[in-house]
């Protein structure tokens, strides 16, 4: 497993059946940004662009 890809989880929200929520834990924001620039992510983005209306990335931080 690549060092920058840690624990992906997917959930389908009951209140928004057309939506997919993905919760991923990354070692750093830089690792996430690097992942988004990989050839397979660019290919995936191109492949689904007609089916995906919006993509929102929220950066969360661990609580105390």
PDB file of N, CA and C in Angstrom:
ATOM      1  N   UNK A   1       0.851  -1.179   0.000  1.00  0.00           N
ATOM      2  CA  UNK A   1       0.000   0.000   0.000  1.00  0.00           C
ATOM      3  C   UNK A   1       0.894   1.238   0.000  1.00  0.00           C
ATOM      4  N   UNK A   2       0.634   2.215  -0.880  1.00  0.00           N
ATOM      5  CA  UNK A   2       1.426   3.438  -0.877  1.00  0.00           C
ATOM      6  C   UNK A   2       1.348   4.149   0.472  1.00  0.00           C
ATOM      7  N   UNK A   3       2.394   4.784   0.842  1.00  0.00           N
ATOM      8  CA  UNK A   3       2.490   5.463   2.134  1.00  0.00           C
ATOM      9  C   UNK A   3       1.438   6.559   2.290  1.00  0.00           C
ATOM     10  N   UNK A   4       1.013   7.160   1.191  1.00  0.00           N
ATOM     11  CA  UNK A   4       0.112   8.300   1.269  1.00  0.00           C
ATOM     12  C   UNK A   4      -1.362   7.936   1.151  1.00  0.00           C
ATOM     13  N   UNK A   5      -1.682   6.683   1.152  1.00  0.00           N
ATOM     14  CA  UNK A   5      -3.088   6.266   1.026  1.00  0.00           C
ATOM     15  C   UNK A   5      -3.455   5.451   2.245  1.00  0.00           C
ATOM     16  N   UNK A   6      -4.265   5.994   3.116  1.00  0.00           N
ATOM     17  CA  UNK A   6      -4.540   5.351   4.395  1.00  0.00           C
ATOM     18  C   UNK A   6      -6.049   5.288   4.624  1.00  0.00           C
ATOM     19  N   UNK A   7      -6.572   4.132   4.887  1.00  0.00           N
ATOM     20  CA  UNK A   7      -7.940   3.869   5.325  1.00  0.00           C
ATOM     21  C   UNK A   7      -9.054   4.554   4.531  1.00  0.00           C
ATOM     22  N   UNK A   8      -9.272   4.222   3.278  1.00  0.00           N
ATOM     23  CA  UNK A   8     -10.430   4.792   2.592  1.00  0.00           C
ATOM     24  C   UNK A   8     -11.716   4.128   3.072  1.00  0.00           C
ATOM     25  N   UNK A   9     -12.765   4.914   3.218  1.00  0.00           N
ATOM     26  CA  UNK A   9     -14.084   4.400   3.583  1.00  0.00           C
ATOM     27  C   UNK A   9     -15.111   5.117   2.710  1.00  0.00           C
ATOM     28  N   UNK A  10     -16.122   4.400   2.286  1.00  0.00           N
ATOM     29  CA  UNK A  10     -17.170   5.011   1.473  1.00  0.00           C
ATOM     30  C   UNK A  10     -18.511   4.822   2.172  1.00  0.00           C
ATOM     31  N   UNK A  11     -19.350   5.844   2.094  1.00  0.00           N
ATOM     32  CA  UNK A  11     -20.671   5.771   2.702  1.00  0.00           C
ATOM     33  C   UNK A  11     -21.682   6.352   1.729  1.00  0.00           C
ATOM     34  N   UNK A  12     -22.857   5.784   1.713  1.00  0.00           N
ATOM     35  CA  UNK A  12     -23.958   6.341   0.937  1.00  0.00           C
ATOM     36  C   UNK A  12     -24.918   6.997   1.921  1.00  0.00           C
ATOM     37  N   UNK A  13     -25.024   8.314   1.923  1.00  0.00           N
ATOM     38  CA  UNK A  13     -25.892   8.976   2.898  1.00  0.00           C
ATOM     39  C   UNK A  13     -27.365   8.689   2.638  1.00  0.00           C
ATOM     40  N   UNK A  14     -28.111   8.397   3.706  1.00  0.00           N
ATOM     41  CA  UNK A  14     -29.548   8.133   3.597  1.00  0.00           C
ATOM     42  C   UNK A  14     -30.312   9.360   3.106  1.00  0.00           C
ATOM     43  N   UNK A  15     -29.833  10.549   3.463  1.00  0.00           N
ATOM     44  CA  UNK A  15     -30.554  11.773   3.121  1.00  0.00           C
ATOM     45  C   UNK A  15     -30.261  12.273   1.714  1.00  0.00           C
ATOM     46  N   UNK A  16     -29.268  11.724   1.064  1.00  0.00           N
ATOM     47  CA  UNK A  16     -28.909  12.159  -0.289  1.00  0.00           C
ATOM     48  C   UNK A  16     -28.542  10.933  -1.118  1.00  0.00           C
ATOM     49  N   UNK A  17     -29.545  10.195  -1.597  1.00  0.00           N
ATOM     50  CA  UNK A  17     -29.267   8.933  -2.297  1.00  0.00           C
ATOM     51  C   UNK A  17     -28.449   9.094  -3.581  1.00  0.00           C
ATOM     52  N   UNK A  18     -28.353  10.318  -4.111  1.00  0.00           N
ATOM     53  CA  UNK A  18     -27.554  10.545  -5.317  1.00  0.00           C
ATOM     54  C   UNK A  18     -26.095  10.862  -4.996  1.00  0.00           C
ATOM     55  N   UNK A  19     -25.757  10.862  -3.714  1.00  0.00           N
ATOM     56  CA  UNK A  19     -24.427  11.301  -3.282  1.00  0.00           C
ATOM     57  C   UNK A  19     -23.598  10.147  -2.746  1.00  0.00           C
ATOM     58  N   UNK A  20     -22.299  10.317  -2.857  1.00  0.00           N
ATOM     59  CA  UNK A  20     -21.349   9.385  -2.254  1.00  0.00           C
ATOM     60  C   UNK A  20     -20.414  10.203  -1.384  1.00  0.00           C
ATOM     61  N   UNK A  21     -20.234   9.765  -0.150  1.00  0.00           N
ATOM     62  CA  UNK A  21     -19.296  10.409   0.762  1.00  0.00           C
ATOM     63  C   UNK A  21     -18.125   9.463   0.943  1.00  0.00           C
ATOM     64  N   UNK A  22     -16.929   9.963   0.683  1.00  0.00           N
ATOM     65  CA  UNK A  22     -15.721   9.165   0.886  1.00  0.00           C
ATOM     66  C   UNK A  22     -14.915   9.821   1.996  1.00  0.00           C
ATOM     67  N   UNK A  23     -14.588   9.056   3.017  1.00  0.00           N
ATOM     68  CA  UNK A  23     -13.765   9.557   4.113  1.00  0.00           C
ATOM     69  C   UNK A  23     -12.424   8.859   4.013  1.00  0.00           C
ATOM     70  N   UNK A  24     -11.375   9.638   3.841  1.00  0.00           N
ATOM     71  CA  UNK A  24     -10.030   9.085   3.714  1.00  0.00           C
ATOM     72  C   UNK A  24      -9.121   9.789   4.711  1.00  0.00           C
ATOM     73  N   UNK A  25      -8.186   9.060   5.232  1.00  0.00           N
ATOM     74  CA  UNK A  25      -7.204   9.646   6.142  1.00  0.00           C
ATOM     75  C   UNK A  25      -5.856   9.664   5.435  1.00  0.00           C
ATOM     76  N   UNK A  26      -5.294  10.852   5.274  1.00  0.00           N
ATOM     77  CA  UNK A  26      -4.030  11.030   4.563  1.00  0.00           C
ATOM     78  C   UNK A  26      -2.941  11.425   5.541  1.00  0.00           C
ATOM     79  N   UNK A  27      -1.736  11.066   5.227  1.00  0.00           N
ATOM     80  CA  UNK A  27      -0.598  11.426   6.067  1.00  0.00           C
ATOM     81  C   UNK A  27      -0.408  12.945   6.105  1.00  0.00           C
ATOM     82  N   UNK A  28      -0.699  13.623   4.995  1.00  0.00           N
ATOM     83  CA  UNK A  28      -0.603  15.083   4.945  1.00  0.00           C
ATOM     84  C   UNK A  28      -1.423  15.584   3.759  1.00  0.00           C
ATOM     85  N   UNK A  29      -1.707  16.872   3.755  1.00  0.00           N
ATOM     86  CA  UNK A  29      -2.403  17.484   2.624  1.00  0.00           C
ATOM     87  C   UNK A  29      -1.541  17.366   1.366  1.00  0.00           C
ATOM     88  N   UNK A  30      -0.234  17.477   1.517  1.00  0.00           N
ATOM     89  CA  UNK A  30       0.670  17.339   0.366  1.00  0.00           C
ATOM     90  C   UNK A  30       0.538  15.961  -0.277  1.00  0.00           C
ATOM     91  N   UNK A  31       0.358  14.921   0.534  1.00  0.00           N
ATOM     92  CA  UNK A  31       0.173  13.574  -0.011  1.00  0.00           C
ATOM     93  C   UNK A  31      -1.140  13.489  -0.796  1.00  0.00           C
ATOM     94  N   UNK A  32      -2.195  14.093  -0.277  1.00  0.00           N
ATOM     95  CA  UNK A  32      -3.475  14.115  -0.990  1.00  0.00           C
ATOM     96  C   UNK A  32      -3.332  14.864  -2.312  1.00  0.00           C
ATOM     97  N   UNK A  33      -2.706  16.027  -2.268  1.00  0.00           N
ATOM     98  CA  UNK A  33      -2.528  16.813  -3.491  1.00  0.00           C
ATOM     99  C   UNK A  33      -1.719  16.044  -4.537  1.00  0.00           C
ATOM    100  N   UNK A  34      -0.692  15.327  -4.094  1.00  0.00           N
ATOM    101  CA  UNK A  34       0.102  14.518  -5.025  1.00  0.00           C
ATOM    102  C   UNK A  34      -0.752  13.410  -5.634  1.00  0.00           C
ATOM    103  N   UNK A  35      -1.588  12.791  -4.821  1.00  0.00           N
ATOM    104  CA  UNK A  35      -2.473  11.726  -5.299  1.00  0.00           C
ATOM    105  C   UNK A  35      -3.426  12.248  -6.376  1.00  0.00           C
ATOM    106  N   UNK A  36      -3.954  13.443  -6.165  1.00  0.00           N
ATOM    107  CA  UNK A  36      -4.896  14.011  -7.131  1.00  0.00           C
ATOM    108  C   UNK A  36      -4.246  14.299  -8.480  1.00  0.00           C
ATOM    109  N   UNK A  37      -2.930  14.366  -8.530  1.00  0.00           N
ATOM    110  CA  UNK A  37      -2.207  14.633  -9.778  1.00  0.00           C
ATOM    111  C   UNK A  37      -1.702  13.363 -10.468  1.00  0.00           C
ATOM    112  N   UNK A  38      -1.973  12.198  -9.894  1.00  0.00           N
ATOM    113  CA  UNK A  38      -1.490  10.954 -10.489  1.00  0.00           C
ATOM    114  C   UNK A  38      -2.259  10.645 -11.778  1.00  0.00           C
ATOM    115  N   UNK A  39      -1.641   9.910 -12.694  1.00  0.00           N
ATOM    116  CA  UNK A  39      -2.312   9.582 -13.960  1.00  0.00           C
ATOM    117  C   UNK A  39      -3.650   8.861 -13.765  1.00  0.00           C
ATOM    118  N   UNK A  40      -3.733   7.939 -12.799  1.00  0.00           N
ATOM    119  CA  UNK A  40      -4.994   7.203 -12.645  1.00  0.00           C
ATOM    120  C   UNK A  40      -6.107   8.103 -12.115  1.00  0.00           C
ATOM    121  N   UNK A  41      -5.784   9.092 -11.285  1.00  0.00           N
ATOM    122  CA  UNK A  41      -6.823  10.006 -10.804  1.00  0.00           C
ATOM    123  C   UNK A  41      -7.267  10.960 -11.914  1.00  0.00           C
ATOM    124  N   UNK A  42      -6.332  11.400 -12.744  1.00  0.00           N
ATOM    125  CA  UNK A  42      -6.705  12.244 -13.880  1.00  0.00           C
ATOM    126  C   UNK A  42      -7.577  11.463 -14.861  1.00  0.00           C
ATOM    127  N   UNK A  43      -7.255  10.190 -15.084  1.00  0.00           N
ATOM    128  CA  UNK A  43      -8.054   9.341 -15.973  1.00  0.00           C
ATOM    129  C   UNK A  43      -9.443   9.110 -15.388  1.00  0.00           C
ATOM    130  N   UNK A  44      -9.517   8.874 -14.090  1.00  0.00           N
ATOM    131  CA  UNK A  44     -10.817   8.670 -13.431  1.00  0.00           C
ATOM    132  C   UNK A  44     -11.669   9.928 -13.549  1.00  0.00           C
ATOM    133  N   UNK A  45     -11.073  11.081 -13.294  1.00  0.00           N
ATOM    134  CA  UNK A  45     -11.802  12.343 -13.383  1.00  0.00           C
ATOM    135  C   UNK A  45     -12.370  12.551 -14.786  1.00  0.00           C
ATOM    136  N   UNK A  46     -11.583  12.244 -15.780  1.00  0.00           N
ATOM    137  CA  UNK A  46     -12.036  12.373 -17.167  1.00  0.00           C
ATOM    138  C   UNK A  46     -13.160  11.374 -17.476  1.00  0.00           C
ATOM    139  N   UNK A  47     -13.041  10.165 -16.956  1.00  0.00           N
ATOM    140  CA  UNK A  47     -14.026   9.112 -17.236  1.00  0.00           C
ATOM    141  C   UNK A  47     -15.391   9.405 -16.630  1.00  0.00           C
ATOM    142  N   UNK A  48     -15.435  10.084 -15.483  1.00  0.00           N
ATOM    143  CA  UNK A  48     -16.713  10.298 -14.791  1.00  0.00           C
ATOM    144  C   UNK A  48     -17.254  11.716 -14.940  1.00  0.00           C
ATOM    145  N   UNK A  49     -16.570  12.567 -15.687  1.00  0.00           N
ATOM    146  CA  UNK A  49     -16.976  13.973 -15.718  1.00  0.00           C
ATOM    147  C   UNK A  49     -18.406  14.183 -16.216  1.00  0.00           C
ATOM    148  N   UNK A  50     -18.933  13.300 -17.029  1.00  0.00           N
ATOM    149  CA  UNK A  50     -20.314  13.427 -17.471  1.00  0.00           C
ATOM    150  C   UNK A  50     -21.329  12.942 -16.453  1.00  0.00           C
ATOM    151  N   UNK A  51     -20.870  12.235 -15.432  1.00  0.00           N
ATOM    152  CA  UNK A  51     -21.762  11.671 -14.416  1.00  0.00           C
ATOM    153  C   UNK A  51     -21.678  12.379 -13.071  1.00  0.00           C
ATOM    154  N   UNK A  52     -20.628  13.127 -12.841  1.00  0.00           N
ATOM    155  CA  UNK A  52     -20.411  13.778 -11.549  1.00  0.00           C
ATOM    156  C   UNK A  52     -20.722  15.262 -11.688  1.00  0.00           C
ATOM    157  N   UNK A  53     -21.696  15.727 -10.903  1.00  0.00           N
ATOM    158  CA  UNK A  53     -22.072  17.136 -10.967  1.00  0.00           C
ATOM    159  C   UNK A  53     -21.140  18.017 -10.152  1.00  0.00           C
ATOM    160  N   UNK A  54     -20.652  17.477  -9.037  1.00  0.00           N
ATOM    161  CA  UNK A  54     -19.850  18.297  -8.132  1.00  0.00           C
ATOM    162  C   UNK A  54     -18.942  17.403  -7.299  1.00  0.00           C
ATOM    163  N   UNK A  55     -17.745  17.875  -7.052  1.00  0.00           N
ATOM    164  CA  UNK A  55     -16.823  17.210  -6.142  1.00  0.00           C
ATOM    165  C   UNK A  55     -16.374  18.241  -5.122  1.00  0.00           C
ATOM    166  N   UNK A  56     -16.544  17.911  -3.852  1.00  0.00           N
ATOM    167  CA  UNK A  56     -16.119  18.793  -2.777  1.00  0.00           C
ATOM    168  C   UNK A  56     -15.151  18.032  -1.894  1.00  0.00           C
ATOM    169  N   UNK A  57     -13.995  18.616  -1.645  1.00  0.00           N
ATOM    170  CA  UNK A  57     -13.027  18.017  -0.727  1.00  0.00           C
ATOM    171  C   UNK A  57     -12.971  18.895   0.512  1.00  0.00           C
ATOM    172  N   UNK A  58     -13.236  18.291   1.646  1.00  0.00           N
ATOM    173  CA  UNK A  58     -13.154  19.002   2.926  1.00  0.00           C
ATOM    174  C   UNK A  58     -11.982  18.433   3.702  1.00  0.00           C
ATOM    175  N   UNK A  59     -11.106  19.291   4.152  1.00  0.00           N
ATOM    176  CA  UNK A  59      -9.945  18.872   4.928  1.00  0.00           C
ATOM    177  C   UNK A  59     -10.313  18.980   6.403  1.00  0.00           C
ATOM    178  N   UNK A  60     -10.308  17.859   7.082  1.00  0.00           N
ATOM    179  CA  UNK A  60     -10.620  17.811   8.511  1.00  0.00           C
ATOM    180  C   UNK A  60      -9.340  17.579   9.289  1.00  0.00           C
ATOM    181  N   UNK A  61      -9.333  18.010  10.526  1.00  0.00           N
ATOM    182  CA  UNK A  61      -8.186  17.768  11.392  1.00  0.00           C
ATOM    183  C   UNK A  61      -8.639  16.953  12.590  1.00  0.00           C
ATOM    184  N   UNK A  62      -7.745  16.141  13.095  1.00  0.00           N
ATOM    185  CA  UNK A  62      -8.059  15.318  14.266  1.00  0.00           C
ATOM    186  C   UNK A  62      -8.343  16.217  15.468  1.00  0.00           C
ATOM    187  N   UNK A  63      -9.290  15.790  16.285  1.00  0.00           N
ATOM    188  CA  UNK A  63      -9.613  16.529  17.500  1.00  0.00           C
ATOM    189  C   UNK A  63      -8.579  16.295  18.583  1.00  0.00           C
ATOM    190  N   UNK A  64      -8.713  17.061  19.613  1.00  0.00           N
ATOM    191  CA  UNK A  64      -7.766  16.948  20.736  1.00  0.00           C
ATOM    192  C   UNK A  64      -8.123  15.759  21.582  1.00  0.00           C
TER     193      UNK A  64
END
